[in-house]
Amino acid sequence: MTDEGEPRLFVNRWGDTSAPGRGRAGPSTDRCSCFDGSKPHPRARVGFHGERQDTSAPGWQRLLEVIDEAAADGREEFRPLVELSPEERRQVVTLPPSIAKLTEVKHLMLYGSNLVRIPPEIGAMTSLEEFTPYTSYRLHWFPYEITRCRRLVSSTVSTRALFGNYKLRPPFPHLQPSQDSVMELDTADLDPKRWGATAVHHCSVCERTVEQSGLHQVWISLRVATDVLPLLVNACSSACVAALPDGAEGYIRAPHKGGRVDQPSSDWD
């Protein structure tokens, strides 16, 4: 039996993932006002963050180097933000497609990031077991491709920052109309404010190239590891949308286009 008077050592789960002496509103992040995190606003108007990644920024260039280093040494835990200064962290609003090279990484730590989106290439991180974007308050959704990480069993997400979360039920951004042909749409140069991404190359479901088919965007909420996450699906056809699984229990069960859709009542009603 442990002596209750004996000093106990508690492990810092987050380690050196944030700037020393800085809180969550420190200089490494921008403030997000997409929706009020303290009160449910199911009929509020929300949208995607429209920021584009500045690929000339020192933070982005350093992140590319860190990813190459991690891929080369086969590390199993990846904490890229530790390698960046607070100013450099603030410059990074997404991760590069090169994260697909991190096939040995088991734990991806993104605590306190300034990210507004995660690229679909996260689905190539097939060894991923733990995902920690905790206190990344500008990260409201995730790509459907994260469901390809079959070994992913643990996650730590700031739930109240997510679209459609069970605590507050904030709305989902309204998605663009489905298109059976993208001949007149440059899917390699999209407006992230409208589409959620700057490019869509492959179907989230069957991996077929959308340039040769269409683009059908839908939302679906699924349990991924420990959390139910709002996932953006970029499907190439209505058939791929129909092939999606049912949404998580307690959430909208069918794929939907967002906007003013009826959701179950919030935890705080």
Foldseek 3Di string as FASTA:
>chain_A
DDDPVDDDDDDDPQPQLDDPPDDLPDLLADDDVQDDLPAFDAQDAGFADQDDQDCVQPLNVQLVVLLVVCLVVLDQEDRSNSSDDSNSQHRDAEHDLSNLSNLSHQEYAQDSGHHQAYDLSCLSNQNHAEYENASNLNHAAYALSPVSNVNHAYYDYPQSSYACGQARNHWDHFADAWWFACCVPDQCADRCRHHVDRHDAAWSQPRHGLNVTIWDWWWAWADGRPDTGIHIGTHRDVVSQVVDAFHDPQFHGHTHRIRNDDTPHHPVD
